[in-house]
């Protein structure tokens, strides 16, 4: 996925907004932005600059990542590009 992201958004920048640590769990909330200047998920470049958010949760065991869960607003990113399903009204 990282390769596809870098192909579609060659100038992508990720910013960490918050880090929470509790026992063996680390939560990172972040946002990213980039210009859609290459093919991404089968969509031709639009030249649009978009932003999206995500959260990663890591479980640490013996100083290493044992498990990881991710949630990314991919639909919001596609909507900004004008290629995702339109937002539902009311």
N, C-alpha and C. Protein backbone atom coordinates (compact mmCIF):
# COMPACT_ATOMS: atom_id res chain seq x y z
N UNK A 1 0.82 -1.20 0.00
CA UNK A 1 0.00 0.00 0.00
C UNK A 1 0.86 1.26 0.00
N UNK A 2 1.97 1.25 0.71
CA UNK A 2 2.83 2.43 0.77
C UNK A 2 3.32 2.81 -0.62
N UNK A 3 3.69 1.82 -1.43
CA UNK A 3 4.13 2.10 -2.79
C UNK A 3 3.05 2.76 -3.61
N UNK A 4 1.82 2.27 -3.50
CA UNK A 4 0.69 2.86 -4.24
C UNK A 4 0.42 4.28 -3.76
N UNK A 5 0.53 4.52 -2.46
CA UNK A 5 0.32 5.85 -1.90
C UNK A 5 1.37 6.82 -2.43
N UNK A 6 2.63 6.40 -2.44
CA UNK A 6 3.70 7.28 -2.91
C UNK A 6 3.62 7.51 -4.42
N UNK A 7 3.09 6.55 -5.17
CA UNK A 7 2.88 6.74 -6.60
C UNK A 7 1.76 7.75 -6.85
N UNK A 8 0.69 7.64 -6.09
CA UNK A 8 -0.47 8.51 -6.28
C UNK A 8 -0.29 9.91 -5.71
N UNK A 9 0.51 10.01 -4.63
CA UNK A 9 0.71 11.28 -3.93
C UNK A 9 2.20 11.43 -3.64
N UNK A 10 2.97 11.84 -4.65
CA UNK A 10 4.43 11.84 -4.51
C UNK A 10 4.93 12.81 -3.45
N UNK A 11 4.11 13.80 -3.09
CA UNK A 11 4.52 14.78 -2.08
C UNK A 11 3.82 14.57 -0.73
N UNK A 12 3.29 13.38 -0.50
CA UNK A 12 2.52 13.12 0.72
C UNK A 12 3.34 13.43 1.98
N UNK A 13 2.69 14.07 2.93
CA UNK A 13 3.31 14.41 4.21
C UNK A 13 2.38 13.93 5.32
N UNK A 14 2.90 13.17 6.26
CA UNK A 14 2.15 12.70 7.42
C UNK A 14 2.56 13.51 8.64
N UNK A 15 1.59 13.89 9.44
CA UNK A 15 1.83 14.65 10.67
C UNK A 15 1.19 13.92 11.84
N UNK A 16 1.95 13.68 12.88
CA UNK A 16 1.41 13.05 14.09
C UNK A 16 0.73 14.12 14.91
N UNK A 17 -0.55 13.91 15.21
CA UNK A 17 -1.33 14.87 15.98
C UNK A 17 -1.37 14.53 17.47
N UNK A 18 -1.32 13.24 17.79
CA UNK A 18 -1.42 12.84 19.19
C UNK A 18 -0.87 11.43 19.36
N UNK A 19 -0.18 11.21 20.49
CA UNK A 19 0.30 9.88 20.85
C UNK A 19 -0.18 9.60 22.27
N UNK A 20 -0.84 8.47 22.45
CA UNK A 20 -1.31 8.04 23.75
C UNK A 20 -0.68 6.70 24.09
N UNK A 21 -0.20 6.56 25.32
CA UNK A 21 0.42 5.32 25.75
C UNK A 21 -0.26 4.85 27.04
N UNK A 22 -0.65 3.59 27.06
CA UNK A 22 -1.27 3.00 28.25
C UNK A 22 -0.82 1.54 28.33
N UNK A 23 0.00 1.24 29.33
CA UNK A 23 0.48 -0.12 29.55
C UNK A 23 1.22 -0.61 28.29
N UNK A 24 0.66 -1.61 27.60
CA UNK A 24 1.32 -2.18 26.42
C UNK A 24 0.72 -1.68 25.11
N UNK A 25 -0.04 -0.58 25.16
CA UNK A 25 -0.74 -0.07 23.98
C UNK A 25 -0.29 1.36 23.66
N UNK A 26 -0.02 1.60 22.37
CA UNK A 26 0.32 2.93 21.88
C UNK A 26 -0.68 3.29 20.78
N UNK A 27 -1.29 4.47 20.90
CA UNK A 27 -2.25 4.94 19.91
C UNK A 27 -1.68 6.21 19.28
N UNK A 28 -1.67 6.23 17.96
CA UNK A 28 -1.18 7.41 17.23
C UNK A 28 -2.30 7.92 16.34
N UNK A 29 -2.67 9.18 16.54
CA UNK A 29 -3.66 9.85 15.69
C UNK A 29 -2.88 10.80 14.79
N UNK A 30 -3.16 10.75 13.48
CA UNK A 30 -2.38 11.51 12.52
C UNK A 30 -3.26 12.06 11.40
N UNK A 31 -2.69 12.97 10.63
CA UNK A 31 -3.33 13.40 9.39
C UNK A 31 -2.25 13.46 8.30
N UNK A 32 -2.71 13.38 7.07
CA UNK A 32 -1.80 13.42 5.92
C UNK A 32 -2.38 14.33 4.86
N UNK A 33 -1.50 14.84 4.02
CA UNK A 33 -1.95 15.64 2.89
C UNK A 33 -1.00 15.42 1.73
N UNK A 34 -1.55 15.57 0.54
CA UNK A 34 -0.73 15.39 -0.65
C UNK A 34 -1.51 15.75 -1.90
N UNK A 35 -0.78 15.86 -2.98
CA UNK A 35 -1.36 16.18 -4.29
C UNK A 35 -1.49 14.90 -5.10
N UNK A 36 -2.67 14.66 -5.62
CA UNK A 36 -2.92 13.46 -6.42
C UNK A 36 -2.30 13.64 -7.80
N UNK A 37 -1.01 13.28 -7.90
CA UNK A 37 -0.26 13.51 -9.14
C UNK A 37 0.16 12.23 -9.86
N UNK A 38 -0.38 11.11 -9.42
CA UNK A 38 -0.11 9.83 -10.07
C UNK A 38 -1.31 8.90 -9.89
N UNK A 39 -1.31 7.79 -10.60
CA UNK A 39 -2.43 6.85 -10.48
C UNK A 39 -2.52 6.33 -9.04
N UNK A 40 -3.75 6.26 -8.52
CA UNK A 40 -3.97 5.76 -7.18
C UNK A 40 -5.26 4.97 -7.15
N UNK A 41 -5.18 3.72 -6.76
CA UNK A 41 -6.33 2.81 -6.67
C UNK A 41 -7.12 2.78 -7.97
N UNK A 42 -6.41 2.84 -9.09
CA UNK A 42 -7.04 2.76 -10.41
C UNK A 42 -7.56 4.08 -10.93
N UNK A 43 -7.38 5.18 -10.18
CA UNK A 43 -7.86 6.49 -10.62
C UNK A 43 -6.71 7.31 -11.17
N UNK A 44 -6.95 7.91 -12.34
CA UNK A 44 -5.95 8.77 -12.97
C UNK A 44 -5.72 10.02 -12.11
N UNK A 45 -4.55 10.62 -12.21
CA UNK A 45 -4.26 11.82 -11.41
C UNK A 45 -5.27 12.94 -11.66
N UNK A 46 -5.68 13.59 -10.58
CA UNK A 46 -6.62 14.71 -10.68
C UNK A 46 -5.93 16.05 -10.45
N UNK A 47 -4.73 16.03 -9.88
CA UNK A 47 -4.03 17.27 -9.55
C UNK A 47 -4.57 17.95 -8.29
N UNK A 48 -5.55 17.33 -7.65
CA UNK A 48 -6.16 17.93 -6.45
C UNK A 48 -5.29 17.67 -5.21
N UNK A 49 -5.26 18.66 -4.35
CA UNK A 49 -4.58 18.54 -3.05
C UNK A 49 -5.64 18.11 -2.04
N UNK A 50 -5.37 17.03 -1.32
CA UNK A 50 -6.35 16.48 -0.38
C UNK A 50 -5.71 16.21 0.97
N UNK A 51 -6.54 16.09 1.99
CA UNK A 51 -6.09 15.72 3.33
C UNK A 51 -6.94 14.55 3.82
N UNK A 52 -6.36 13.72 4.69
CA UNK A 52 -7.11 12.63 5.29
C UNK A 52 -6.52 12.32 6.66
N UNK A 53 -7.26 11.57 7.42
CA UNK A 53 -6.86 11.28 8.80
C UNK A 53 -6.77 9.78 9.01
N UNK A 54 -6.13 9.41 10.11
CA UNK A 54 -6.04 8.00 10.47
C UNK A 54 -5.64 7.82 11.92
N UNK A 55 -5.83 6.61 12.38
CA UNK A 55 -5.45 6.21 13.73
C UNK A 55 -4.78 4.85 13.63
N UNK A 56 -3.65 4.70 14.30
CA UNK A 56 -2.97 3.41 14.40
C UNK A 56 -2.88 3.03 15.87
N UNK A 57 -3.15 1.77 16.15
CA UNK A 57 -3.06 1.24 17.51
C UNK A 57 -2.04 0.09 17.48
N UNK A 58 -1.07 0.16 18.37
CA UNK A 58 -0.03 -0.85 18.44
C UNK A 58 -0.05 -1.51 19.81
N UNK A 59 0.07 -2.82 19.83
CA UNK A 59 0.28 -3.55 21.08
C UNK A 59 1.74 -3.95 21.13
N UNK A 60 2.41 -3.55 22.20
CA UNK A 60 3.84 -3.79 22.34
C UNK A 60 4.07 -4.98 23.27
N UNK A 61 4.96 -5.85 22.85
CA UNK A 61 5.31 -7.03 23.66
C UNK A 61 6.83 -7.20 23.60
N UNK A 62 7.47 -7.23 24.74
CA UNK A 62 8.93 -7.39 24.81
C UNK A 62 9.66 -6.32 23.98
N UNK A 63 9.13 -5.09 23.98
CA UNK A 63 9.77 -3.99 23.28
C UNK A 63 9.56 -3.96 21.77
N UNK A 64 8.70 -4.86 21.26
CA UNK A 64 8.45 -4.92 19.81
C UNK A 64 6.96 -4.85 19.54
N UNK A 65 6.60 -4.42 18.34
CA UNK A 65 5.20 -4.39 17.94
C UNK A 65 4.71 -5.82 17.73
N UNK A 66 3.73 -6.23 18.55
CA UNK A 66 3.17 -7.58 18.44
C UNK A 66 1.91 -7.59 17.56
N UNK A 67 1.14 -6.50 17.61
CA UNK A 67 -0.08 -6.38 16.81
C UNK A 67 -0.26 -4.92 16.44
N UNK A 68 -0.98 -4.70 15.32
CA UNK A 68 -1.25 -3.34 14.88
C UNK A 68 -2.61 -3.29 14.20
N UNK A 69 -3.36 -2.24 14.51
CA UNK A 69 -4.65 -1.99 13.88
C UNK A 69 -4.62 -0.59 13.30
N UNK A 70 -5.25 -0.41 12.14
CA UNK A 70 -5.25 0.90 11.47
C UNK A 70 -6.67 1.25 11.03
N UNK A 71 -6.95 2.52 11.06
CA UNK A 71 -8.21 3.05 10.52
C UNK A 71 -7.85 4.33 9.77
N UNK A 72 -8.13 4.35 8.47
CA UNK A 72 -7.80 5.49 7.61
C UNK A 72 -9.07 5.94 6.91
N UNK A 73 -9.26 7.24 6.80
CA UNK A 73 -10.43 7.78 6.11
C UNK A 73 -10.20 7.78 4.60
N UNK A 74 -10.14 6.58 4.04
CA UNK A 74 -9.92 6.43 2.60
C UNK A 74 -11.09 6.93 1.77
N UNK A 75 -12.32 6.77 2.27
CA UNK A 75 -13.49 7.24 1.53
C UNK A 75 -13.49 8.77 1.46
N UNK A 76 -13.12 9.42 2.57
CA UNK A 76 -13.03 10.88 2.55
C UNK A 76 -12.00 11.37 1.56
N UNK A 77 -10.88 10.65 1.47
CA UNK A 77 -9.83 11.00 0.51
C UNK A 77 -10.37 10.89 -0.92
N UNK A 78 -11.06 9.78 -1.23
CA UNK A 78 -11.61 9.60 -2.58
C UNK A 78 -12.68 10.63 -2.89
N UNK A 79 -13.50 11.00 -1.91
CA UNK A 79 -14.53 12.03 -2.14
C UNK A 79 -13.88 13.36 -2.50
N UNK A 80 -12.78 13.71 -1.82
CA UNK A 80 -12.09 14.96 -2.14
C UNK A 80 -11.54 14.93 -3.57
N UNK A 81 -11.17 13.75 -4.03
CA UNK A 81 -10.68 13.60 -5.40
C UNK A 81 -11.82 13.62 -6.42
N UNK A 82 -13.06 13.49 -5.92
CA UNK A 82 -14.22 13.49 -6.80
C UNK A 82 -14.49 12.13 -7.41
N UNK A 83 -13.93 11.06 -6.82
CA UNK A 83 -14.11 9.74 -7.40
C UNK A 83 -14.83 8.78 -6.47
N UNK A 84 -15.06 9.15 -5.21
CA UNK A 84 -15.73 8.28 -4.25
C UNK A 84 -17.23 8.49 -4.30
N UNK A 85 -17.94 7.65 -3.58
CA UNK A 85 -19.39 7.78 -3.49
C UNK A 85 -19.72 9.13 -2.85
N UNK A 86 -20.74 9.83 -3.36
CA UNK A 86 -21.10 11.12 -2.77
C UNK A 86 -21.63 10.95 -1.34
N UNK A 87 -21.47 12.00 -0.55
CA UNK A 87 -21.97 11.97 0.83
C UNK A 87 -23.49 11.90 0.80
N UNK A 88 -24.06 11.12 1.71
CA UNK A 88 -25.52 11.00 1.79
C UNK A 88 -26.10 12.27 2.42
N UNK A 89 -27.21 12.70 1.92
CA UNK A 89 -27.88 13.88 2.44
C UNK A 89 -29.00 13.47 3.38
N UNK A 90 -29.08 14.19 4.50
CA UNK A 90 -30.17 14.05 5.49
C UNK A 90 -30.44 12.70 5.90
